[in-house]
Amino acid sequence: MNCFFCIVYNIFPMENSGEPHILSAEYKWQDLKFKDAKNILAQLKEKSGYVQWNNDERTEYFGIIARKINKKETFRSMGFIAFDLGDFN
């Protein structure tokens, strides 16, 4: 089962900047190879263009949550949000 979602939310409320932030993420209940996770994130970026909300002003964040993500730390270092079951033990 796949689930795509967007959260329109100021994820840094302490800044009080008033700038709009949006998080687009996808859940996968499977073990993801690096290449597969990279493709999913690329598709998320494309899908986020369909969300008509402060398109010219918003700061976008992209993430993936899965049972297991290969090289998860690499995605994090690239600025993506990445969580798998290992983060919740």
C-alpha atoms as a PDB file:
ATOM      1  CA  MET A   1       0.000   0.000   0.000  1.00  0.00           C
ATOM      2  CA  ASN A   2       1.307   3.420  -0.940  1.00  0.00           C
ATOM      3  CA  CYS A   3       0.266   6.658   0.624  1.00  0.00           C
ATOM      4  CA  PHE A   4       1.143  10.119  -0.617  1.00  0.00           C
ATOM      5  CA  PHE A   5       0.363  13.081   1.531  1.00  0.00           C
ATOM      6  CA  CYS A   6       1.065  16.752   1.805  1.00  0.00           C
ATOM      7  CA  ILE A   7       0.946  18.658   5.024  1.00  0.00           C
ATOM      8  CA  VAL A   8       0.503  22.377   4.731  1.00  0.00           C
ATOM      9  CA  TYR A   9       1.954  23.551   7.984  1.00  0.00           C
ATOM     10  CA  ASN A  10       4.574  25.855   9.350  1.00  0.00           C
ATOM     11  CA  ILE A  11       6.921  23.133  10.595  1.00  0.00           C
ATOM     12  CA  PHE A  12       9.159  25.694  12.268  1.00  0.00           C
ATOM     13  CA  PRO A  13       6.606  27.652  14.319  1.00  0.00           C
ATOM     14  CA  MET A  14       9.302  29.074  16.605  1.00  0.00           C
ATOM     15  CA  GLU A  15      10.624  31.159  13.732  1.00  0.00           C
ATOM     16  CA  ASN A  16       7.364  33.084  13.483  1.00  0.00           C
ATOM     17  CA  SER A  17       8.464  34.162  10.036  1.00  0.00           C
ATOM     18  CA  GLY A  18       5.005  33.862   8.557  1.00  0.00           C
ATOM     19  CA  GLU A  19       6.479  32.078   5.556  1.00  0.00           C
ATOM     20  CA  PRO A  20       4.493  29.057   4.327  1.00  0.00           C
ATOM     21  CA  HIS A  21       6.100  25.607   4.573  1.00  0.00           C
ATOM     22  CA  ILE A  22       4.880  22.368   3.034  1.00  0.00           C
ATOM     23  CA  LEU A  23       5.936  18.771   3.657  1.00  0.00           C
ATOM     24  CA  SER A  24       5.293  16.176   0.959  1.00  0.00           C
ATOM     25  CA  ALA A  25       6.009  12.597   1.985  1.00  0.00           C
ATOM     26  CA  GLU A  26       5.222   9.065   0.993  1.00  0.00           C
ATOM     27  CA  TYR A  27       4.815   5.936   3.093  1.00  0.00           C
ATOM     28  CA  LYS A  28       5.974   2.550   1.830  1.00  0.00           C
ATOM     29  CA  TRP A  29       5.540  -0.670   3.766  1.00  0.00           C
ATOM     30  CA  GLN A  30       8.554  -2.311   2.155  1.00  0.00           C
ATOM     31  CA  ASP A  31      12.336  -2.361   2.202  1.00  0.00           C
ATOM     32  CA  LEU A  32      13.609   0.287  -0.201  1.00  0.00           C
ATOM     33  CA  LYS A  33      16.842   0.182  -2.140  1.00  0.00           C
ATOM     34  CA  PHE A  34      18.605   3.510  -2.556  1.00  0.00           C
ATOM     35  CA  LYS A  35      17.601   3.757  -6.225  1.00  0.00           C
ATOM     36  CA  ASP A  36      13.921   3.072  -5.466  1.00  0.00           C
ATOM     37  CA  ALA A  37      13.800   5.630  -2.666  1.00  0.00           C
ATOM     38  CA  LYS A  38      15.497   8.189  -4.906  1.00  0.00           C
ATOM     39  CA  ASN A  39      12.865   7.625  -7.607  1.00  0.00           C
ATOM     40  CA  ILE A  40      10.047   7.994  -5.083  1.00  0.00           C
ATOM     41  CA  LEU A  41      11.445  11.308  -3.884  1.00  0.00           C
ATOM     42  CA  ALA A  42      11.755  12.548  -7.480  1.00  0.00           C
ATOM     43  CA  GLN A  43       8.113  11.614  -8.077  1.00  0.00           C
ATOM     44  CA  LEU A  44       7.128  13.442  -4.895  1.00  0.00           C
ATOM     45  CA  LYS A  45       8.727  16.622  -6.162  1.00  0.00           C
ATOM     46  CA  GLU A  46       6.708  16.285  -9.346  1.00  0.00           C
ATOM     47  CA  LYS A  47       3.446  15.571  -7.476  1.00  0.00           C
ATOM     48  CA  SER A  48       3.934  18.543  -5.174  1.00  0.00           C
ATOM     49  CA  GLY A  49       3.481  20.815  -8.180  1.00  0.00           C
ATOM     50  CA  TYR A  50      -0.188  19.814  -8.226  1.00  0.00           C
ATOM     51  CA  VAL A  51      -0.743  21.280  -4.770  1.00  0.00           C
ATOM     52  CA  GLN A  52      -1.951  24.792  -5.447  1.00  0.00           C
ATOM     53  CA  TRP A  53      -0.978  26.614  -2.285  1.00  0.00           C
ATOM     54  CA  ASN A  54       1.471  29.533  -2.066  1.00  0.00           C
ATOM     55  CA  ASN A  55       3.420  28.075  -4.976  1.00  0.00           C
ATOM     56  CA  ASP A  56       5.711  31.070  -5.401  1.00  0.00           C
ATOM     57  CA  GLU A  57       6.337  31.672  -1.697  1.00  0.00           C
ATOM     58  CA  ARG A  58       6.441  28.309   0.059  1.00  0.00           C
ATOM     59  CA  THR A  59       9.416  26.379   1.318  1.00  0.00           C
ATOM     60  CA  GLU A  60       9.103  22.716   0.320  1.00  0.00           C
ATOM     61  CA  TYR A  61      10.320  19.668   2.220  1.00  0.00           C
ATOM     62  CA  PHE A  62      10.213  16.111   0.927  1.00  0.00           C
ATOM     63  CA  GLY A  63      10.326  12.880   2.844  1.00  0.00           C
ATOM     64  CA  ILE A  64       9.922   9.162   2.768  1.00  0.00           C
ATOM     65  CA  ILE A  65       8.880   6.775   5.512  1.00  0.00           C
ATOM     66  CA  ALA A  66       9.315   3.046   4.949  1.00  0.00           C
ATOM     67  CA  ARG A  67       9.861  -0.243   6.716  1.00  0.00           C
ATOM     68  CA  LYS A  68      13.575  -0.022   5.793  1.00  0.00           C
ATOM     69  CA  ILE A  69      15.479   2.535   3.715  1.00  0.00           C
ATOM     70  CA  ASN A  70      18.913   1.662   2.369  1.00  0.00           C
ATOM     71  CA  LYS A  71      21.415   4.503   2.898  1.00  0.00           C
ATOM     72  CA  LYS A  72      18.874   6.521   4.858  1.00  0.00           C
ATOM     73  CA  GLU A  73      21.581   8.831   6.198  1.00  0.00           C
ATOM     74  CA  THR A  74      22.544   9.799   2.641  1.00  0.00           C
ATOM     75  CA  PHE A  75      19.022  11.085   2.017  1.00  0.00           C
ATOM     76  CA  ARG A  76      19.100  13.023   5.252  1.00  0.00           C
ATOM     77  CA  SER A  77      22.403  14.629   4.279  1.00  0.00           C
ATOM     78  CA  MET A  78      20.765  15.656   0.987  1.00  0.00           C
ATOM     79  CA  GLY A  79      18.072  17.559   2.926  1.00  0.00           C
ATOM     80  CA  PHE A  80      15.292  14.976   2.741  1.00  0.00           C
ATOM     81  CA  ILE A  81      13.288  13.644   5.650  1.00  0.00           C
ATOM     82  CA  ALA A  82      13.809   9.891   5.923  1.00  0.00           C
ATOM     83  CA  PHE A  83      12.502   7.525   8.594  1.00  0.00           C
ATOM     84  CA  ASP A  84      12.221   3.780   8.840  1.00  0.00           C
ATOM     85  CA  LEU A  85      11.332   1.342  11.624  1.00  0.00           C
ATOM     86  CA  GLY A  86      14.888   1.499  12.940  1.00  0.00           C
ATOM     87  CA  ASP A  87      14.241   5.072  14.042  1.00  0.00           C
ATOM     88  CA  PHE A  88      11.427   4.008  16.348  1.00  0.00           C
ATOM     89  CA  ASN A  89      13.099   1.253  18.372  1.00  0.00           C
END
